[in-house]
Amino acid sequence: MALTQQREAGLEAARKYVDQVFETVQQRNPGESEFHQAVKEILDSLVPVFAKHSKYQEHGILERIVEPERMITFRVPWVDDQGKVQVNRGFRVQFNSAIGPYKGGLRFHPSVNASIIKFLGFEQIFKNSLTGQPIGGGKGGSDFDPKGKSDLEVMRFTQSFMTELSKYIGPDTDVPAGDIGVGAREIGYMFGQYKRLYGNETGVLTGKGLNYGGSLTRTEATGYGLVYFTNEMLASRGDSFVGKTVVVSGSGNVSIYAIEKAQQLGAKVVACSDSNGYVYDKNGINLATVKRLKEVERKRIKEYVNEHPTAEYVEGCQNIWSIPCDIALPCATQNEINEASAKLLVANGVKYVAEGANMPSTLEAIEVYLNNGVYFGPAKAANAGGVAVSALEMAQNSARLAWSFEEVDAKLKDIMRNIYRSSVNAAREYGYDDNLVVGSNIAGFLKVADAMIAHGVV
């Protein structure tokens, strides 16, 4: 009885400490709701760690880890096709370099602001730690919208963006990649501008084309990795993708290759979406059509029904979660599944949810999953395949080597399996069996925290 009381007292003290740190985060970062959400989700998971190990509080790890090492904001002027000067805002947060150079994508989207960049960068610390690769956490981007822009406009913007960003990055310092709105075209233009300024530093960006230092499997990595992670979740229940009905939100890079791998493993994917609406195809999504529409023609997903008349197109992407499914793979954007959508998924029989996008489920939605027996794979674990293969691309660039698709894919599969196992083991060790949110947060945190202690107060 005394031991139980002592444990409860330790947890209560740890909870009080964590809450105090979170209050400081809110005060120092007013109005940054996405950043607050990401910090709260992780800090809540770490309470049992601080109750068990006083050294992390004594070394001020939490106070330090929630504060970026560096936050850079800059002006991006460029000229549109009508000859008019446009001005956007660029960002790069270099959040934590305890275990390696900053690593994280660049997002081009009108919604990008300091809060979103900081939430993404904070998540990236733990995601990168989970991969087992020596990479720290960073993120960046701009409120520039590539949709509807000509190739020349995109080139002018990205060249201006890279001219400023290049002052702060490098192969051994900070290695950006792509994210929403930043694909092969944008990476190519940025790499060209960096090369013009500094010479052929191949390792300065990842997600590059195969002709100039890119890695096979990098395009597929986030989507494939998501499905490999989900497959581990299924296997732990004696289950598989065979015969399962799957809903995948989004129709960009992550979504396309999640659909591809899920179909290869025997699932029927019946829906995907873009920011305007979703398509439902009861016969199963025709991936070749989606790839052509999105990767080649850059069209909206509603065009799908012109070629597949038995499919339905519905305006408004939120309602995609009303479609009954066994497995939901949200791959579009942050907070796309709220509490109501999560309840709808549960009512319609969903058994597994794994996140391909960054933080696509609200905190309330996650509570719905956990309270209703849905096995949930959080983004920092489930979508870490992209940054894992980015780290493998960095390794190939450093060694001046190029591995085969099969080699990289096998390494990706092993990394995702190890992430799942380390998350499960951490959850079990701290008394939260099958809670991959707690498990992945703790597993990712411990490696970074121990490195920070080893480095002293820096």
Protein backbone atom coordinates (compact mmCIF):
# COMPACT_ATOMS: atom_id res chain seq x y z
CA MET A 1 0.00 0.00 0.00
CA ALA A 2 2.82 2.39 0.91
CA LEU A 3 4.55 1.62 -2.38
CA THR A 4 1.37 2.40 -4.32
CA GLN A 5 0.97 5.71 -2.47
CA GLN A 6 4.58 6.56 -3.19
CA ARG A 7 4.09 5.83 -6.89
CA GLU A 8 0.94 7.95 -7.00
CA ALA A 9 2.73 10.81 -5.25
CA GLY A 10 5.55 10.57 -7.81
CA LEU A 11 3.12 10.70 -10.71
CA GLU A 12 1.28 13.64 -9.17
CA ALA A 13 4.53 15.59 -8.74
CA ALA A 14 5.57 14.76 -12.31
CA ARG A 15 2.18 15.85 -13.60
CA LYS A 16 2.47 19.16 -11.77
CA TYR A 17 5.94 19.73 -13.25
CA VAL A 18 4.84 18.89 -16.79
CA ASP A 19 1.80 21.18 -16.49
CA GLN A 20 4.03 24.04 -15.33
CA VAL A 21 6.28 23.61 -18.36
CA PHE A 22 3.27 23.54 -20.67
CA GLU A 23 1.91 26.74 -19.13
CA THR A 24 5.23 28.41 -19.87
CA VAL A 25 5.04 27.21 -23.49
CA GLN A 26 1.58 28.75 -23.83
CA GLN A 27 2.71 32.05 -22.33
CA ARG A 28 5.82 32.29 -24.49
CA ASN A 29 4.03 31.29 -27.69
CA PRO A 30 0.62 33.00 -27.58
CA GLY A 31 -1.91 32.07 -30.24
CA GLU A 32 0.13 29.15 -31.60
CA SER A 33 -2.56 26.51 -31.22
CA GLU A 34 -0.95 23.81 -33.41
CA PHE A 35 2.33 24.10 -31.51
CA HIS A 36 0.50 23.97 -28.17
CA GLN A 37 -1.37 20.84 -29.31
CA ALA A 38 1.82 19.02 -30.35
CA VAL A 39 3.62 19.93 -27.13
CA LYS A 40 0.72 18.89 -24.89
CA GLU A 41 0.33 15.50 -26.58
CA ILE A 42 3.99 14.69 -26.04
CA LEU A 43 4.34 16.17 -22.56
CA ASP A 44 1.30 14.29 -21.26
CA SER A 45 2.92 11.04 -22.38
CA LEU A 46 6.15 11.80 -20.54
CA VAL A 47 4.66 12.07 -17.04
CA PRO A 48 5.63 8.47 -16.09
CA VAL A 49 9.20 9.11 -17.31
CA PHE A 50 9.62 12.10 -14.99
CA ALA A 51 8.04 10.18 -12.13
CA LYS A 52 10.57 7.37 -12.59
CA HIS A 53 13.72 9.33 -13.51
CA SER A 54 14.43 12.56 -11.63
CA LYS A 55 17.56 13.28 -13.70
CA TYR A 56 15.55 14.66 -16.62
CA GLN A 57 13.94 17.30 -14.42
CA GLU A 58 17.21 18.06 -12.66
CA HIS A 59 18.87 18.75 -16.02
CA GLY A 60 15.99 20.91 -17.26
CA ILE A 61 15.50 18.72 -20.32
CA LEU A 62 11.82 19.56 -20.76
CA GLU A 63 12.38 23.31 -20.47
CA ARG A 64 15.12 23.07 -23.11
CA ILE A 65 13.49 20.65 -25.53
CA VAL A 66 10.33 22.76 -25.99
CA GLU A 67 12.43 25.80 -26.98
CA PRO A 68 13.87 25.82 -30.53
CA GLU A 69 17.62 26.20 -30.81
CA ARG A 70 16.96 28.65 -33.64
CA MET A 71 13.92 30.09 -35.43
CA ILE A 72 14.53 31.88 -38.73
CA THR A 73 11.94 34.02 -40.53
CA PHE A 74 12.70 35.78 -43.78
CA ARG A 75 11.21 37.71 -46.70
CA VAL A 76 10.86 35.97 -50.09
CA PRO A 77 10.34 38.46 -52.94
CA TRP A 78 9.70 37.18 -56.47
CA VAL A 79 8.15 38.29 -59.76
CA ASP A 80 5.03 36.65 -61.22
CA ASP A 81 4.28 36.06 -64.91
CA GLN A 82 2.55 39.44 -65.16
CA GLY A 83 5.71 41.19 -63.99
CA LYS A 84 4.27 42.05 -60.58
CA VAL A 85 6.41 41.77 -57.47
CA GLN A 86 5.05 39.29 -54.91
CA VAL A 87 6.27 38.84 -51.35
CA ASN A 88 5.94 35.71 -49.24
CA ARG A 89 7.31 34.75 -45.84
CA GLY A 90 9.83 31.96 -45.35
CA PHE A 91 10.53 29.94 -42.20
CA ARG A 92 13.06 27.47 -40.86
CA VAL A 93 13.01 26.16 -37.30
CA GLN A 94 16.15 24.35 -36.18
CA PHE A 95 14.62 22.73 -33.14
CA ASN A 96 17.07 20.21 -31.72
CA SER A 97 20.45 18.92 -32.90
CA ALA A 98 21.34 16.69 -29.93
CA ILE A 99 21.60 13.51 -32.00
CA GLY A 100 22.58 14.93 -35.39
CA PRO A 101 22.10 17.68 -37.99
CA TYR A 102 18.64 19.22 -38.28
CA LYS A 103 16.43 17.21 -40.63
CA GLY A 104 12.90 17.94 -41.74
CA GLY A 105 10.82 18.97 -44.72
CA LEU A 106 9.80 22.24 -46.32
CA ARG A 107 6.07 22.96 -46.68
CA PHE A 108 4.67 25.42 -49.23
CA HIS A 109 1.05 26.17 -48.36
CA PRO A 110 -0.99 29.33 -47.61
CA SER A 111 -1.63 28.10 -44.04
CA VAL A 112 2.06 28.03 -43.12
CA ASN A 113 2.92 30.21 -40.13
CA ALA A 114 5.20 30.10 -37.10
CA SER A 115 2.84 27.83 -35.15
CA ILE A 116 2.63 25.20 -37.87
CA ILE A 117 6.36 25.21 -38.53
CA LYS A 118 7.11 24.87 -34.81
CA PHE A 119 4.60 22.02 -34.30
CA LEU A 120 6.11 20.18 -37.26
CA GLY A 121 9.66 20.80 -36.06
CA PHE A 122 8.86 19.69 -32.52
CA GLU A 123 7.27 16.45 -33.75
CA GLN A 124 10.28 15.91 -36.01
CA ILE A 125 12.65 15.69 -33.02
CA PHE A 126 10.98 12.53 -31.75
CA LYS A 127 10.16 11.07 -35.16
CA ASN A 128 13.78 11.34 -36.24
CA SER A 129 14.94 9.83 -32.96
CA LEU A 130 12.64 6.85 -33.48
CA THR A 131 14.22 6.04 -36.86
CA GLY A 132 17.49 5.17 -35.15
CA GLN A 133 19.32 7.45 -37.58
CA PRO A 134 21.66 10.27 -36.37
CA ILE A 135 19.38 13.19 -37.30
CA GLY A 136 17.94 16.05 -35.26
CA GLY A 137 14.64 17.87 -35.63
CA GLY A 138 13.89 20.78 -37.96
CA LYS A 139 11.19 22.03 -40.32
CA GLY A 140 10.55 24.91 -42.68
CA GLY A 141 8.50 26.32 -45.47
CA SER A 142 6.56 29.30 -46.74
CA ASP A 143 3.01 30.62 -47.12
CA PHE A 144 3.55 30.47 -50.90
CA ASP A 145 0.90 28.41 -52.73
CA PRO A 146 2.29 26.47 -55.73
CA LYS A 147 -1.22 25.56 -56.89
CA GLY A 148 -2.17 27.44 -60.03
CA LYS A 149 1.35 28.80 -60.54
CA SER A 150 3.32 28.28 -63.73
CA ASP A 151 6.62 26.39 -63.69
CA LEU A 152 8.45 29.68 -64.19
CA GLU A 153 6.67 31.28 -61.24
CA VAL A 154 7.50 28.30 -59.04
CA MET A 155 11.12 28.49 -60.20
CA ARG A 156 11.41 32.21 -59.46
CA PHE A 157 9.91 31.77 -56.01
CA THR A 158 12.01 28.73 -55.05
CA GLN A 159 15.21 30.39 -56.26
CA SER A 160 14.47 33.43 -54.09
CA PHE A 161 13.51 31.18 -51.16
CA MET A 162 16.71 29.14 -51.43
CA THR A 163 18.91 32.23 -51.79
CA GLU A 164 17.94 33.20 -48.25
CA LEU A 165 17.54 29.70 -46.74
CA SER A 166 20.95 28.62 -48.06
CA LYS A 167 22.68 30.82 -45.47
CA TYR A 168 21.48 28.51 -42.70
CA ILE A 169 21.67 24.96 -44.14
CA GLY A 170 24.33 22.51 -45.29
CA PRO A 171 25.07 18.77 -45.57
CA ASP A 172 26.42 18.58 -42.00
CA THR A 173 24.24 21.29 -40.46
CA ASP A 174 20.64 21.19 -41.69
CA VAL A 175 19.29 19.04 -44.52
CA PRO A 176 15.75 19.96 -45.67
CA ALA A 177 13.46 17.76 -47.75
CA GLY A 178 9.97 18.08 -49.22
CA ASP A 179 6.56 18.23 -47.54
CA ILE A 180 3.14 19.46 -48.66
CA GLY A 181 3.52 21.57 -51.81
CA VAL A 182 7.19 20.64 -52.26
CA GLY A 183 7.77 17.79 -54.68
CA ALA A 184 10.37 16.84 -57.27
CA ARG A 185 9.94 20.09 -59.23
CA GLU A 186 10.47 22.34 -56.22
CA ILE A 187 13.38 20.29 -54.84
CA GLY A 188 15.05 20.41 -58.25
CA TYR A 189 14.80 24.19 -58.50
CA MET A 190 16.05 24.67 -54.95
CA PHE A 191 18.97 22.31 -55.44
CA GLY A 192 19.91 24.12 -58.65
CA GLN A 193 19.94 27.46 -56.87
CA TYR A 194 22.01 26.12 -53.96
CA LYS A 195 24.47 24.62 -56.47
CA ARG A 196 24.71 27.97 -58.26
CA LEU A 197 25.54 29.70 -54.96
CA TYR A 198 27.82 27.18 -53.24
CA GLY A 199 28.82 24.45 -55.69
CA ASN A 200 27.77 20.83 -55.90
CA GLU A 201 26.99 19.98 -52.26
CA THR A 202 24.95 16.88 -53.11
CA GLY A 203 23.84 16.19 -49.54
CA VAL A 204 22.23 19.58 -48.87
CA LEU A 205 18.69 18.41 -49.74
CA THR A 206 16.96 15.04 -49.81
CA GLY A 207 14.17 13.91 -52.08
CA LYS A 208 16.38 14.81 -55.03
CA GLY A 209 16.00 13.36 -58.53
CA LEU A 210 17.81 10.11 -59.21
CA ASN A 211 20.04 11.85 -61.76
CA TYR A 212 21.58 14.18 -59.19
CA GLY A 213 22.00 12.30 -55.92
CA GLY A 214 18.51 11.09 -55.05
CA SER A 215 17.71 7.72 -53.55
CA LEU A 216 15.56 4.97 -54.96
CA THR A 217 12.48 4.36 -52.75
CA ARG A 218 12.51 7.98 -51.43
CA THR A 219 9.37 8.85 -53.41
CA GLU A 220 7.53 5.85 -52.02
CA ALA A 221 9.07 5.93 -48.54
CA THR A 222 6.46 7.71 -46.41
CA GLY A 223 3.48 5.86 -47.90
CA TYR A 224 5.22 2.49 -47.96
CA GLY A 225 6.58 3.03 -44.46
CA LEU A 226 3.10 3.87 -43.18
CA VAL A 227 1.76 0.59 -44.52
CA TYR A 228 4.74 -1.39 -43.21
CA PHE A 229 4.10 0.08 -39.75
CA THR A 230 0.37 -0.66 -40.00
CA ASN A 231 1.18 -4.18 -41.08
CA GLU A 232 3.15 -4.64 -37.84
CA MET A 233 0.10 -3.42 -35.92
CA LEU A 234 -2.08 -5.92 -37.78
CA ALA A 235 0.37 -8.78 -37.34
CA SER A 236 0.46 -8.22 -33.58
CA ARG A 237 -3.27 -9.02 -33.61
CA GLY A 238 -2.82 -12.05 -35.86
CA ASP A 239 -4.30 -10.01 -38.71
CA SER A 240 -3.25 -8.72 -42.15
CA PHE A 241 -4.26 -6.33 -44.95
CA VAL A 242 -5.78 -9.18 -46.97
CA GLY A 243 -9.45 -8.49 -47.63
CA LYS A 244 -9.51 -5.30 -45.55
CA THR A 245 -11.41 -2.18 -46.64
CA VAL A 246 -9.20 0.89 -46.39
CA VAL A 247 -9.91 4.64 -46.60
CA VAL A 248 -6.95 6.90 -47.37
CA SER A 249 -7.33 10.67 -47.21
CA GLY A 250 -5.31 12.89 -49.51
CA SER A 251 -4.02 12.10 -52.99
CA GLY A 252 -0.49 13.42 -52.83
CA ASN A 253 2.77 11.55 -52.52
CA VAL A 254 2.08 9.90 -49.14
CA SER A 255 -1.46 8.86 -50.07
CA ILE A 256 -0.57 7.47 -53.49
CA TYR A 257 2.14 5.16 -52.21
CA ALA A 258 0.15 4.12 -49.15
CA ILE A 259 -2.62 3.08 -51.55
CA GLU A 260 -0.12 1.25 -53.75
CA LYS A 261 1.44 -0.78 -50.93
CA ALA A 262 -1.92 -1.51 -49.23
CA GLN A 263 -3.25 -2.85 -52.53
CA GLN A 264 -0.11 -4.96 -53.00
CA LEU A 265 -0.72 -6.48 -49.57
CA GLY A 266 -4.28 -7.49 -50.49
CA ALA A 267 -6.45 -4.59 -49.27
CA LYS A 268 -9.25 -2.82 -51.12
CA VAL A 269 -8.75 0.95 -50.92
CA VAL A 270 -12.13 2.55 -51.63
CA ALA A 271 -11.57 6.29 -51.18
CA CYS A 272 -9.07 9.14 -51.42
CA SER A 273 -9.40 12.92 -51.44
CA ASP A 274 -7.93 16.35 -52.05
CA SER A 275 -8.65 19.71 -50.43
CA ASN A 276 -11.91 20.11 -52.41
CA GLY A 277 -13.58 16.73 -51.89
CA TYR A 278 -13.24 12.96 -52.09
CA VAL A 279 -13.91 10.07 -54.44
CA TYR A 280 -15.49 6.82 -53.33
CA ASP A 281 -15.06 3.81 -55.61
CA LYS A 282 -16.74 0.70 -54.25
CA ASN A 283 -14.78 -1.41 -56.74
CA GLY A 284 -11.49 -0.13 -55.36
CA ILE A 285 -9.52 2.98 -56.31
CA ASN A 286 -7.77 2.75 -59.68
CA LEU A 287 -4.30 3.88 -58.69
CA ALA A 288 -3.04 4.41 -62.25
CA THR A 289 -5.72 7.05 -62.76
CA VAL A 290 -4.92 8.82 -59.49
CA LYS A 291 -1.19 8.80 -60.27
CA ARG A 292 -1.74 10.32 -63.71
CA LEU A 293 -4.17 12.98 -62.45
CA LYS A 294 -2.00 14.03 -59.53
CA GLU A 295 1.61 13.34 -60.48
CA VAL A 296 1.48 14.14 -64.21
CA GLU A 297 -1.51 16.35 -65.00
CA ARG A 298 -1.74 18.13 -61.59
CA LYS A 299 -5.56 18.01 -61.73
CA ARG A 300 -8.20 17.80 -59.00
CA ILE A 301 -9.41 14.43 -57.74
CA LYS A 302 -12.97 15.09 -59.00
CA GLU A 303 -11.70 14.30 -62.52
CA TYR A 304 -11.46 10.64 -61.43
CA VAL A 305 -15.20 10.05 -61.90
CA ASN A 306 -15.00 11.11 -65.56
CA GLU A 307 -13.05 7.91 -66.23
CA HIS A 308 -14.72 5.71 -63.61
CA PRO A 309 -18.48 6.39 -63.80
CA THR A 310 -19.33 3.92 -61.01
CA ALA A 311 -17.33 6.05 -58.59
CA GLU A 312 -18.81 8.98 -56.67
CA TYR A 313 -17.31 12.42 -56.06
CA VAL A 314 -18.40 14.31 -52.93
CA GLU A 315 -17.58 17.96 -52.24
CA GLY A 316 -15.89 18.53 -48.88
CA CYS A 317 -13.02 16.28 -47.84
CA GLN A 318 -14.09 16.01 -44.18
CA ASN A 319 -16.90 13.56 -44.97
CA ILE A 320 -14.51 10.92 -46.27
CA TRP A 321 -14.50 9.54 -42.70
CA SER A 322 -18.18 8.62 -43.02
CA ILE A 323 -17.22 5.72 -45.32
CA PRO A 324 -17.19 2.38 -43.45
CA CYS A 325 -13.74 0.80 -43.34
CA ASP A 326 -11.53 -1.58 -41.38
CA ILE A 327 -8.44 0.63 -41.62
CA ALA A 328 -8.24 4.42 -41.84
CA LEU A 329 -5.02 6.04 -43.06
CA PRO A 330 -5.27 9.85 -42.76
CA CYS A 331 -2.61 11.22 -45.12
CA ALA A 332 -3.80 14.75 -45.93
CA THR A 333 -3.05 17.39 -43.28
CA GLN A 334 -3.11 18.28 -39.59
CA ASN A 335 -6.35 17.98 -37.60
CA GLU A 336 -8.36 16.49 -40.46
CA ILE A 337 -10.04 14.03 -38.04
CA ASN A 338 -11.89 15.70 -35.17
CA GLU A 339 -13.84 14.09 -32.36
CA ALA A 340 -17.04 13.76 -34.43
CA SER A 341 -15.20 12.13 -37.35
CA ALA A 342 -13.44 9.72 -34.99
CA LYS A 343 -16.78 8.71 -33.45
CA LEU A 344 -18.16 8.14 -36.95
CA LEU A 345 -15.21 5.90 -37.81
CA VAL A 346 -15.75 3.90 -34.61
CA ALA A 347 -19.50 3.58 -35.27
CA ASN A 348 -18.71 2.28 -38.76
CA GLY A 349 -16.38 -0.43 -37.44
CA VAL A 350 -12.86 0.89 -37.92
CA LYS A 351 -10.31 -1.30 -36.13
CA TYR A 352 -7.02 0.39 -37.01
CA VAL A 353 -6.02 4.02 -37.58
CA ALA A 354 -2.47 4.93 -38.60
CA GLU A 355 -1.38 8.44 -39.47
CA GLY A 356 0.40 9.24 -42.72
CA ALA A 357 0.08 13.01 -42.34
CA ASN A 358 1.58 15.01 -39.47
CA MET A 359 -0.86 15.24 -36.52
CA PRO A 360 -4.03 14.56 -38.59
CA SER A 361 -6.05 13.60 -35.49
CA THR A 362 -7.04 16.10 -32.82
CA LEU A 363 -6.36 15.24 -29.18
CA GLU A 364 -10.10 14.57 -28.75
CA ALA A 365 -10.09 12.19 -31.72
CA ILE A 366 -7.17 10.26 -30.25
CA GLU A 367 -9.11 9.86 -27.00
CA VAL A 368 -12.00 8.40 -28.99
CA TYR A 369 -9.69 5.82 -30.59
CA LEU A 370 -8.08 4.81 -27.31
CA ASN A 371 -11.37 4.62 -25.42
CA ASN A 372 -12.99 2.40 -28.05
CA GLY A 373 -10.30 -0.20 -28.62
CA VAL A 374 -9.10 1.16 -31.97
CA TYR A 375 -5.42 0.33 -32.41
CA PHE A 376 -3.83 3.66 -33.19
CA GLY A 377 -0.47 4.42 -34.85
CA PRO A 378 0.54 8.06 -34.26
CA ALA A 379 2.26 10.05 -36.98
CA LYS A 380 5.68 10.38 -35.41
CA ALA A 381 5.99 6.59 -35.54
CA ALA A 382 3.79 5.60 -38.47
CA ASN A 383 4.94 8.18 -41.02
CA ALA A 384 8.65 8.19 -40.15
CA GLY A 385 9.52 6.24 -43.30
CA GLY A 386 10.05 9.37 -45.35
CA VAL A 387 12.65 10.92 -43.09
CA ALA A 388 14.22 7.49 -42.52
CA VAL A 389 14.93 7.11 -46.23
CA SER A 390 16.04 10.75 -46.36
CA ALA A 391 18.70 9.78 -43.82
CA LEU A 392 19.61 6.82 -46.02
CA GLU A 393 19.88 9.25 -48.96
CA MET A 394 22.27 11.37 -46.89
CA ALA A 395 24.36 8.26 -46.17
CA GLN A 396 24.53 7.39 -49.87
CA ASN A 397 25.51 10.97 -50.75
CA SER A 398 28.29 10.97 -48.14
CA ALA A 399 29.67 7.67 -49.42
CA ARG A 400 29.12 8.56 -53.10
CA LEU A 401 27.07 5.39 -53.49
CA ALA A 402 23.66 4.48 -54.90
CA TRP A 403 21.82 1.51 -53.41
CA SER A 404 19.22 -0.52 -55.30
CA PHE A 405 15.48 -0.11 -54.75
CA GLU A 406 15.38 -3.50 -53.05
CA GLU A 407 18.21 -2.58 -50.66
CA VAL A 408 16.58 0.68 -49.58
CA ASP A 409 13.12 -0.88 -49.34
CA ALA A 410 14.47 -3.68 -47.11
CA LYS A 411 16.16 -1.10 -44.85
CA LEU A 412 12.92 0.90 -44.72
CA LYS A 413 10.93 -2.17 -43.73
CA ASP A 414 13.43 -2.97 -40.95
CA ILE A 415 13.35 0.61 -39.66
CA MET A 416 9.54 0.65 -39.49
CA ARG A 417 9.52 -2.72 -37.72
CA ASN A 418 12.06 -1.43 -35.19
CA ILE A 419 10.04 1.75 -34.60
CA TYR A 420 6.96 -0.35 -33.88
CA ARG A 421 8.84 -2.64 -31.52
CA SER A 422 10.57 0.17 -29.61
CA SER A 423 7.21 1.95 -29.21
CA VAL A 424 5.51 -1.21 -27.96
CA ASN A 425 8.36 -1.96 -25.55
CA ALA A 426 8.46 1.57 -24.13
CA ALA A 427 4.68 1.56 -23.61
CA ARG A 428 4.86 -1.76 -21.82
CA GLU A 429 7.81 -0.70 -19.62
CA TYR A 430 5.91 2.33 -18.35
CA GLY A 431 2.60 0.54 -17.83
CA TYR A 432 0.70 1.56 -20.99
CA ASP A 433 0.40 -1.70 -22.95
CA ASP A 434 -0.63 -1.21 -26.60
CA ASN A 435 -0.66 2.59 -26.30
CA LEU A 436 1.59 3.56 -29.19
CA VAL A 437 1.13 7.28 -28.49
CA VAL A 438 2.78 6.96 -25.10
CA GLY A 439 5.26 4.38 -26.35
CA SER A 440 6.51 6.34 -29.35
CA ASN A 441 6.76 9.59 -27.41
CA ILE A 442 8.77 7.98 -24.62
CA ALA A 443 11.04 5.99 -26.94
CA GLY A 444 11.77 9.06 -29.04
CA PHE A 445 12.30 11.30 -26.02
CA LEU A 446 14.72 9.11 -24.07
CA LYS A 447 17.39 8.99 -26.79
CA VAL A 448 17.35 12.77 -27.29
CA ALA A 449 17.19 13.53 -23.55
CA ASP A 450 20.16 11.29 -22.74
CA ALA A 451 22.19 12.95 -25.53
CA MET A 452 21.29 16.39 -24.15
CA ILE A 453 22.48 15.40 -20.68
CA ALA A 454 25.76 14.10 -22.14
CA HIS A 455 26.36 17.44 -23.90
CA GLY A 456 25.93 19.58 -20.80
CA VAL A 457 23.82 22.72 -20.61
CA VAL A 458 23.94 23.96 -24.21
